[in-house]
Amino acid sequence: MAVETVSTGIGDVIKLVGGLALWLQALGIIVVLWIVFEIIMLSLNLKRMREVYAIKKDMKRIEAKIDKILRNP
């Protein structure tokens, strides 16, 4: 009788710990997927910013040429 009660109690504890472990595992998977998503977005944003800086550089060059043309008439 006492052995059965102890084994049932231990079984309940094991089930509780197992359920907690599954929740932690799911949370870990979500965190890992979020980090991967953020790395991908950072990479895409860096590519876009490089393109924006290139356009900005070209616009400054064109602006300087226009200013030079307007000063020389």
N, C-alpha and C. Protein backbone atom coordinates (compact mmCIF):
# COMPACT_ATOMS: atom_id res chain seq x y z
N MET A 1 0.82 -1.18 0.00
CA MET A 1 0.00 0.00 0.00
C MET A 1 0.87 1.25 0.00
N ALA A 2 1.84 1.33 0.89
CA ALA A 2 2.69 2.52 0.97
C ALA A 2 3.60 2.61 -0.26
N VAL A 3 4.07 1.46 -0.73
CA VAL A 3 4.93 1.44 -1.92
C VAL A 3 4.16 1.91 -3.14
N GLU A 4 2.91 1.49 -3.22
CA GLU A 4 2.07 1.90 -4.34
C GLU A 4 1.82 3.41 -4.31
N THR A 5 1.62 3.97 -3.15
CA THR A 5 1.39 5.41 -3.02
C THR A 5 2.65 6.20 -3.40
N VAL A 6 3.79 5.73 -2.97
CA VAL A 6 5.06 6.40 -3.29
C VAL A 6 5.32 6.33 -4.79
N SER A 7 5.11 5.16 -5.40
CA SER A 7 5.36 5.02 -6.83
C SER A 7 4.38 5.87 -7.65
N THR A 8 3.15 5.99 -7.20
CA THR A 8 2.17 6.83 -7.87
C THR A 8 2.57 8.30 -7.74
N GLY A 9 3.04 8.68 -6.55
CA GLY A 9 3.51 10.06 -6.34
C GLY A 9 4.71 10.39 -7.22
N ILE A 10 5.64 9.43 -7.29
CA ILE A 10 6.82 9.63 -8.14
C ILE A 10 6.41 9.71 -9.61
N GLY A 11 5.46 8.89 -10.00
CA GLY A 11 4.97 8.92 -11.38
C GLY A 11 4.35 10.27 -11.72
N ASP A 12 3.60 10.84 -10.75
CA ASP A 12 3.01 12.16 -10.97
C ASP A 12 4.08 13.23 -11.12
N VAL A 13 5.11 13.14 -10.29
CA VAL A 13 6.21 14.10 -10.37
C VAL A 13 6.93 13.98 -11.71
N ILE A 14 7.14 12.75 -12.15
CA ILE A 14 7.82 12.52 -13.43
C ILE A 14 6.99 13.09 -14.58
N LYS A 15 5.68 12.89 -14.52
CA LYS A 15 4.80 13.44 -15.56
C LYS A 15 4.85 14.97 -15.55
N LEU A 16 4.87 15.56 -14.37
CA LEU A 16 4.93 17.01 -14.25
C LEU A 16 6.25 17.56 -14.81
N VAL A 17 7.34 16.92 -14.45
CA VAL A 17 8.65 17.34 -14.95
C VAL A 17 8.73 17.13 -16.46
N GLY A 18 8.17 16.03 -16.95
CA GLY A 18 8.16 15.78 -18.39
C GLY A 18 7.37 16.83 -19.14
N GLY A 19 6.22 17.23 -18.59
CA GLY A 19 5.42 18.28 -19.22
C GLY A 19 6.16 19.60 -19.23
N LEU A 20 6.84 19.91 -18.12
CA LEU A 20 7.63 21.14 -18.06
C LEU A 20 8.77 21.10 -19.08
N ALA A 21 9.39 19.96 -19.23
CA ALA A 21 10.48 19.82 -20.20
C ALA A 21 9.97 20.03 -21.62
N LEU A 22 8.79 19.54 -21.93
CA LEU A 22 8.22 19.76 -23.27
C LEU A 22 7.95 21.23 -23.52
N TRP A 23 7.43 21.95 -22.50
CA TRP A 23 7.20 23.39 -22.65
C TRP A 23 8.52 24.13 -22.85
N LEU A 24 9.54 23.75 -22.11
CA LEU A 24 10.85 24.40 -22.27
C LEU A 24 11.44 24.10 -23.65
N GLN A 25 11.25 22.91 -24.13
CA GLN A 25 11.74 22.55 -25.45
C GLN A 25 11.02 23.37 -26.52
N ALA A 26 9.72 23.52 -26.40
CA ALA A 26 8.96 24.31 -27.36
C ALA A 26 9.40 25.77 -27.32
N LEU A 27 9.62 26.29 -26.13
CA LEU A 27 10.10 27.66 -25.98
C LEU A 27 11.48 27.82 -26.61
N GLY A 28 12.33 26.85 -26.42
CA GLY A 28 13.67 26.88 -27.02
C GLY A 28 13.60 26.89 -28.54
N ILE A 29 12.73 26.09 -29.11
CA ILE A 29 12.57 26.05 -30.57
C ILE A 29 12.08 27.40 -31.07
N ILE A 30 11.15 28.01 -30.36
CA ILE A 30 10.64 29.33 -30.77
C ILE A 30 11.75 30.37 -30.72
N VAL A 31 12.55 30.34 -29.67
CA VAL A 31 13.65 31.31 -29.55
C VAL A 31 14.67 31.11 -30.67
N VAL A 32 15.01 29.88 -30.97
CA VAL A 32 15.97 29.60 -32.05
C VAL A 32 15.43 30.07 -33.39
N LEU A 33 14.17 29.80 -33.67
CA LEU A 33 13.57 30.25 -34.92
C LEU A 33 13.52 31.77 -34.99
N TRP A 34 13.25 32.44 -33.88
CA TRP A 34 13.23 33.90 -33.84
C TRP A 34 14.61 34.47 -34.12
N ILE A 35 15.65 33.86 -33.56
CA ILE A 35 17.02 34.32 -33.81
C ILE A 35 17.38 34.14 -35.28
N VAL A 36 17.03 33.01 -35.87
CA VAL A 36 17.30 32.76 -37.28
C VAL A 36 16.58 33.80 -38.14
N PHE A 37 15.33 34.07 -37.83
CA PHE A 37 14.55 35.08 -38.56
C PHE A 37 15.21 36.45 -38.45
N GLU A 38 15.66 36.82 -37.27
CA GLU A 38 16.31 38.12 -37.08
C GLU A 38 17.62 38.21 -37.86
N ILE A 39 18.38 37.13 -37.92
CA ILE A 39 19.63 37.13 -38.69
C ILE A 39 19.34 37.32 -40.17
N ILE A 40 18.32 36.64 -40.67
CA ILE A 40 17.94 36.79 -42.08
C ILE A 40 17.51 38.23 -42.37
N MET A 41 16.70 38.80 -41.49
CA MET A 41 16.24 40.18 -41.69
C MET A 41 17.40 41.17 -41.61
N LEU A 42 18.34 40.95 -40.71
CA LEU A 42 19.51 41.81 -40.62
C LEU A 42 20.33 41.76 -41.90
N SER A 43 20.49 40.57 -42.45
CA SER A 43 21.23 40.41 -43.70
C SER A 43 20.54 41.16 -44.84
N LEU A 44 19.23 41.01 -44.95
CA LEU A 44 18.49 41.71 -46.01
C LEU A 44 18.56 43.22 -45.83
N ASN A 45 18.46 43.69 -44.60
CA ASN A 45 18.52 45.13 -44.35
C ASN A 45 19.90 45.69 -44.66
N LEU A 46 20.96 44.93 -44.40
CA LEU A 46 22.30 45.40 -44.74
C LEU A 46 22.46 45.55 -46.24
N LYS A 47 21.93 44.60 -47.01
CA LYS A 47 21.99 44.69 -48.46
C LYS A 47 21.24 45.93 -48.95
N ARG A 48 20.07 46.17 -48.39
CA ARG A 48 19.27 47.34 -48.78
C ARG A 48 19.99 48.63 -48.43
N MET A 49 20.60 48.68 -47.27
CA MET A 49 21.31 49.90 -46.85
C MET A 49 22.52 50.15 -47.75
N ARG A 50 23.21 49.12 -48.18
CA ARG A 50 24.33 49.30 -49.11
C ARG A 50 23.84 49.92 -50.41
N GLU A 51 22.69 49.47 -50.89
CA GLU A 51 22.11 50.04 -52.11
C GLU A 51 21.73 51.50 -51.90
N VAL A 52 21.17 51.81 -50.76
CA VAL A 52 20.78 53.20 -50.46
C VAL A 52 22.02 54.09 -50.40
N TYR A 53 23.09 53.62 -49.77
CA TYR A 53 24.32 54.41 -49.69
C TYR A 53 24.92 54.61 -51.07
N ALA A 54 24.85 53.61 -51.94
CA ALA A 54 25.36 53.76 -53.30
C ALA A 54 24.55 54.81 -54.06
N ILE A 55 23.24 54.78 -53.92
CA ILE A 55 22.39 55.78 -54.58
C ILE A 55 22.69 57.16 -54.02
N LYS A 56 22.89 57.27 -52.72
CA LYS A 56 23.20 58.55 -52.10
C LYS A 56 24.52 59.10 -52.62
N LYS A 57 25.50 58.24 -52.77
CA LYS A 57 26.81 58.65 -53.29
C LYS A 57 26.67 59.15 -54.73
N ASP A 58 25.91 58.42 -55.54
CA ASP A 58 25.68 58.84 -56.93
C ASP A 58 24.94 60.17 -57.00
N MET A 59 23.98 60.36 -56.12
CA MET A 59 23.22 61.62 -56.12
C MET A 59 24.11 62.79 -55.73
N LYS A 60 25.01 62.60 -54.79
CA LYS A 60 25.94 63.67 -54.42
C LYS A 60 26.84 64.01 -55.60
N ARG A 61 27.31 62.98 -56.31
CA ARG A 61 28.17 63.22 -57.47
C ARG A 61 27.42 63.99 -58.56
N ILE A 62 26.19 63.59 -58.84
CA ILE A 62 25.37 64.27 -59.84
C ILE A 62 25.09 65.71 -59.40
N GLU A 63 24.80 65.88 -58.13
CA GLU A 63 24.53 67.21 -57.59
C GLU A 63 25.75 68.11 -57.74
N ALA A 64 26.93 67.58 -57.48
CA ALA A 64 28.15 68.36 -57.63
C ALA A 64 28.36 68.75 -59.09
N LYS A 65 28.08 67.84 -60.02
CA LYS A 65 28.22 68.16 -61.44
C LYS A 65 27.23 69.24 -61.86
N ILE A 66 26.01 69.16 -61.38
CA ILE A 66 25.00 70.17 -61.71
C ILE A 66 25.42 71.52 -61.17
N ASP A 67 25.92 71.55 -59.92
CA ASP A 67 26.39 72.81 -59.34
C ASP A 67 27.54 73.38 -60.17
N LYS A 68 28.43 72.54 -60.62
CA LYS A 68 29.58 72.99 -61.43
C LYS A 68 29.09 73.57 -62.75
N ILE A 69 28.13 72.93 -63.38
CA ILE A 69 27.58 73.41 -64.67
C ILE A 69 26.87 74.75 -64.46
N LEU A 70 26.13 74.88 -63.37
CA LEU A 70 25.39 76.11 -63.12
C LEU A 70 26.29 77.29 -62.77
N ARG A 71 27.47 77.05 -62.25
CA ARG A 71 28.41 78.12 -61.92
C ARG A 71 29.18 78.63 -63.13
N ASN A 72 29.33 77.83 -64.16
CA ASN A 72 30.19 78.16 -65.30
C ASN A 72 29.50 78.83 -66.49
N PRO A 73 28.30 79.28 -66.46
CA PRO A 73 27.69 79.80 -67.70
C PRO A 73 28.37 81.05 -68.13
